[in-house]
Amino acid sequence: MPIETRYVLVASMDVDPEYEELFNAVYDEHAEYLSSVPGVRSITRMKGEPFSLIIASEVKEQPAPSPIYTAIYEINSPAVLNSVEWAKAVEEGRWATEVRPHTRNRQHAVYEVRRTVDGI
């Protein structure tokens, strides 16, 4: 499915293994709060995994990425991330107190979408 916004926020992190089940349950709740923020159009959660690919006729084995968990937030503008609504939503629910302390290697980046090619 093509990206339909001009900007995306990519949030990636690792989680302590003993909190992985809680992380996944609570991130779904967390995403519901954030998806209600004006200017947030969609949220896609992913977990990296190892893979192989062929480049220049050679099979390259790749480990799972680190950080292993990533969420892509389709947003109308980077200003969404500085809104009062975002600030409130990011602290709601169990995420801030029960999960965030057990995450590490957290990375956030905003990208301007230049082009989307949709395969058939």
C-alpha atoms as a PDB file:
ATOM      1  CA  MET A   1       0.000   0.000   0.000  1.00  0.00           C
ATOM      2  CA  PRO A   2       1.524   3.351  -0.950  1.00  0.00           C
ATOM      3  CA  ILE A   3       2.305   6.043   1.569  1.00  0.00           C
ATOM      4  CA  GLU A   4      -0.342   8.716   1.278  1.00  0.00           C
ATOM      5  CA  THR A   5       1.216  11.551   3.284  1.00  0.00           C
ATOM      6  CA  ARG A   6       4.040  13.928   2.568  1.00  0.00           C
ATOM      7  CA  TYR A   7       5.917  13.025   5.777  1.00  0.00           C
ATOM      8  CA  VAL A   8       6.583   9.960   7.884  1.00  0.00           C
ATOM      9  CA  LEU A   9       7.943   9.573  11.384  1.00  0.00           C
ATOM     10  CA  VAL A  10       9.966   6.380  11.815  1.00  0.00           C
ATOM     11  CA  ALA A  11      10.295   5.271  15.442  1.00  0.00           C
ATOM     12  CA  SER A  12      12.517   2.271  16.136  1.00  0.00           C
ATOM     13  CA  MET A  13      13.592   0.546  19.332  1.00  0.00           C
ATOM     14  CA  ASP A  14      14.602  -2.652  21.025  1.00  0.00           C
ATOM     15  CA  VAL A  15      12.845  -4.033  24.094  1.00  0.00           C
ATOM     16  CA  ASP A  16      14.145  -6.149  26.929  1.00  0.00           C
ATOM     17  CA  PRO A  17      13.187  -9.756  26.018  1.00  0.00           C
ATOM     18  CA  GLU A  18      11.247 -10.374  29.225  1.00  0.00           C
ATOM     19  CA  TYR A  19       8.971  -7.411  28.363  1.00  0.00           C
ATOM     20  CA  GLU A  20       8.393  -8.242  24.687  1.00  0.00           C
ATOM     21  CA  GLU A  21       4.856  -9.621  25.156  1.00  0.00           C
ATOM     22  CA  LEU A  22       3.831  -6.575  27.216  1.00  0.00           C
ATOM     23  CA  PHE A  23       5.536  -4.288  24.679  1.00  0.00           C
ATOM     24  CA  ASN A  24       3.439  -5.653  21.817  1.00  0.00           C
ATOM     25  CA  ALA A  25       0.156  -5.531  23.733  1.00  0.00           C
ATOM     26  CA  VAL A  26       0.699  -2.011  25.015  1.00  0.00           C
ATOM     27  CA  TYR A  27       2.114  -0.625  21.747  1.00  0.00           C
ATOM     28  CA  ASP A  28      -1.225  -1.405  20.114  1.00  0.00           C
ATOM     29  CA  GLU A  29      -2.923   0.684  22.826  1.00  0.00           C
ATOM     30  CA  HIS A  30      -0.287   3.402  22.440  1.00  0.00           C
ATOM     31  CA  ALA A  31      -0.879   3.515  18.691  1.00  0.00           C
ATOM     32  CA  GLU A  32      -4.608   4.029  19.266  1.00  0.00           C
ATOM     33  CA  TYR A  33      -3.897   7.148  21.350  1.00  0.00           C
ATOM     34  CA  LEU A  34      -1.451   8.495  18.771  1.00  0.00           C
ATOM     35  CA  SER A  35      -3.720   7.744  15.825  1.00  0.00           C
ATOM     36  CA  SER A  36      -6.320  10.098  17.332  1.00  0.00           C
ATOM     37  CA  VAL A  37      -3.922  13.064  17.081  1.00  0.00           C
ATOM     38  CA  PRO A  38      -4.936  15.479  14.301  1.00  0.00           C
ATOM     39  CA  GLY A  39      -2.497  15.081  11.413  1.00  0.00           C
ATOM     40  CA  VAL A  40      -1.630  11.418  12.135  1.00  0.00           C
ATOM     41  CA  ARG A  41      -3.058   9.486   9.205  1.00  0.00           C
ATOM     42  CA  SER A  42      -1.881   5.919   9.866  1.00  0.00           C
ATOM     43  CA  ILE A  43       0.519   3.850  11.949  1.00  0.00           C
ATOM     44  CA  THR A  44       2.210   0.669  10.754  1.00  0.00           C
ATOM     45  CA  ARG A  45       4.119  -1.522  13.229  1.00  0.00           C
ATOM     46  CA  MET A  46       6.838  -3.934  12.138  1.00  0.00           C
ATOM     47  CA  LYS A  47       9.374  -6.342  13.572  1.00  0.00           C
ATOM     48  CA  GLY A  48      12.571  -6.943  11.659  1.00  0.00           C
ATOM     49  CA  GLU A  49      13.773 -10.409  10.787  1.00  0.00           C
ATOM     50  CA  PRO A  50      16.829 -11.945   9.174  1.00  0.00           C
ATOM     51  CA  PHE A  51      16.775 -12.364   5.409  1.00  0.00           C
ATOM     52  CA  SER A  52      18.901 -12.940   2.348  1.00  0.00           C
ATOM     53  CA  LEU A  53      19.019 -11.095  -0.955  1.00  0.00           C
ATOM     54  CA  ILE A  54      20.947 -11.294  -4.178  1.00  0.00           C
ATOM     55  CA  ILE A  55      23.206  -8.384  -5.128  1.00  0.00           C
ATOM     56  CA  ALA A  56      25.622  -8.639  -8.060  1.00  0.00           C
ATOM     57  CA  SER A  57      24.843 -12.370  -8.394  1.00  0.00           C
ATOM     58  CA  GLU A  58      25.871 -13.037  -4.800  1.00  0.00           C
ATOM     59  CA  VAL A  59      23.551 -14.105  -1.972  1.00  0.00           C
ATOM     60  CA  LYS A  60      23.978 -11.798   0.998  1.00  0.00           C
ATOM     61  CA  GLU A  61      22.759 -13.020   4.397  1.00  0.00           C
ATOM     62  CA  GLN A  62      21.470 -10.224   6.597  1.00  0.00           C
ATOM     63  CA  PRO A  63      20.754 -10.399  10.342  1.00  0.00           C
ATOM     64  CA  ALA A  64      17.603  -8.944  11.866  1.00  0.00           C
ATOM     65  CA  PRO A  65      18.021  -5.173  12.148  1.00  0.00           C
ATOM     66  CA  SER A  66      18.785  -3.337  15.340  1.00  0.00           C
ATOM     67  CA  PRO A  67      16.665  -1.801  16.563  1.00  0.00           C
ATOM     68  CA  ILE A  68      14.316  -4.652  15.755  1.00  0.00           C
ATOM     69  CA  TYR A  69      10.932  -2.936  16.212  1.00  0.00           C
ATOM     70  CA  THR A  70       9.856  -0.076  13.963  1.00  0.00           C
ATOM     71  CA  ALA A  71       6.673   1.932  13.589  1.00  0.00           C
ATOM     72  CA  ILE A  72       5.975   4.188  10.629  1.00  0.00           C
ATOM     73  CA  TYR A  73       3.633   7.073  11.350  1.00  0.00           C
ATOM     74  CA  GLU A  74       2.178   8.756   8.287  1.00  0.00           C
ATOM     75  CA  ILE A  75       1.826  12.413   9.287  1.00  0.00           C
ATOM     76  CA  ASN A  76       0.640  15.529   7.494  1.00  0.00           C
ATOM     77  CA  SER A  77       3.556  17.623   8.747  1.00  0.00           C
ATOM     78  CA  PRO A  78       6.436  17.470  11.244  1.00  0.00           C
ATOM     79  CA  ALA A  79       4.517  20.134  13.223  1.00  0.00           C
ATOM     80  CA  VAL A  80       2.160  17.330  14.348  1.00  0.00           C
ATOM     81  CA  LEU A  81       4.964  16.077  16.607  1.00  0.00           C
ATOM     82  CA  ASN A  82       5.045  19.378  18.515  1.00  0.00           C
ATOM     83  CA  SER A  83       1.299  19.681  19.008  1.00  0.00           C
ATOM     84  CA  VAL A  84      -0.423  19.710  22.381  1.00  0.00           C
ATOM     85  CA  GLU A  85      -2.439  16.699  21.245  1.00  0.00           C
ATOM     86  CA  TRP A  86       0.714  14.702  20.431  1.00  0.00           C
ATOM     87  CA  ALA A  87       2.330  15.629  23.750  1.00  0.00           C
ATOM     88  CA  LYS A  88      -0.753  14.389  25.591  1.00  0.00           C
ATOM     89  CA  ALA A  89      -1.225  11.207  23.554  1.00  0.00           C
ATOM     90  CA  VAL A  90       2.403  10.095  23.837  1.00  0.00           C
ATOM     91  CA  GLU A  91       2.051   9.973  27.649  1.00  0.00           C
ATOM     92  CA  GLU A  92      -1.413   8.357  27.857  1.00  0.00           C
ATOM     93  CA  GLY A  93      -2.056   4.795  28.880  1.00  0.00           C
ATOM     94  CA  ARG A  94       0.469   2.244  30.084  1.00  0.00           C
ATOM     95  CA  TRP A  95       3.213   3.001  27.540  1.00  0.00           C
ATOM     96  CA  ALA A  96       5.045   5.720  29.464  1.00  0.00           C
ATOM     97  CA  THR A  97       5.166   3.912  32.805  1.00  0.00           C
ATOM     98  CA  GLU A  98       5.082   0.181  32.033  1.00  0.00           C
ATOM     99  CA  VAL A  99       6.893  -0.141  28.702  1.00  0.00           C
ATOM    100  CA  ARG A 100       9.074   2.855  27.844  1.00  0.00           C
ATOM    101  CA  PRO A 101      11.501   2.131  30.745  1.00  0.00           C
ATOM    102  CA  HIS A 102      12.214  -1.302  29.197  1.00  0.00           C
ATOM    103  CA  THR A 103      13.041  -0.030  25.711  1.00  0.00           C
ATOM    104  CA  ARG A 104      16.504   0.865  24.481  1.00  0.00           C
ATOM    105  CA  ASN A 105      18.345   1.887  21.343  1.00  0.00           C
ATOM    106  CA  ARG A 106      15.443   4.230  20.581  1.00  0.00           C
ATOM    107  CA  GLN A 107      15.708   6.117  17.302  1.00  0.00           C
ATOM    108  CA  HIS A 108      13.341   8.640  15.735  1.00  0.00           C
ATOM    109  CA  ALA A 109      13.572  10.161  12.271  1.00  0.00           C
ATOM    110  CA  VAL A 110      11.275  12.215  10.059  1.00  0.00           C
ATOM    111  CA  TYR A 111      11.366  11.787   6.304  1.00  0.00           C
ATOM    112  CA  GLU A 112       9.783  13.804   3.542  1.00  0.00           C
ATOM    113  CA  VAL A 113       8.176  11.396   1.087  1.00  0.00           C
ATOM    114  CA  ARG A 114       9.536  12.107  -2.395  1.00  0.00           C
ATOM    115  CA  ARG A 115       7.855   9.388  -4.413  1.00  0.00           C
ATOM    116  CA  THR A 116       5.854   6.208  -3.943  1.00  0.00           C
ATOM    117  CA  VAL A 117       5.848   3.465  -6.569  1.00  0.00           C
ATOM    118  CA  ASP A 118       2.984   1.023  -6.163  1.00  0.00           C
ATOM    119  CA  GLY A 119       3.647  -2.466  -7.535  1.00  0.00           C
ATOM    120  CA  ILE A 120       0.977  -4.375  -9.371  1.00  0.00           C
END
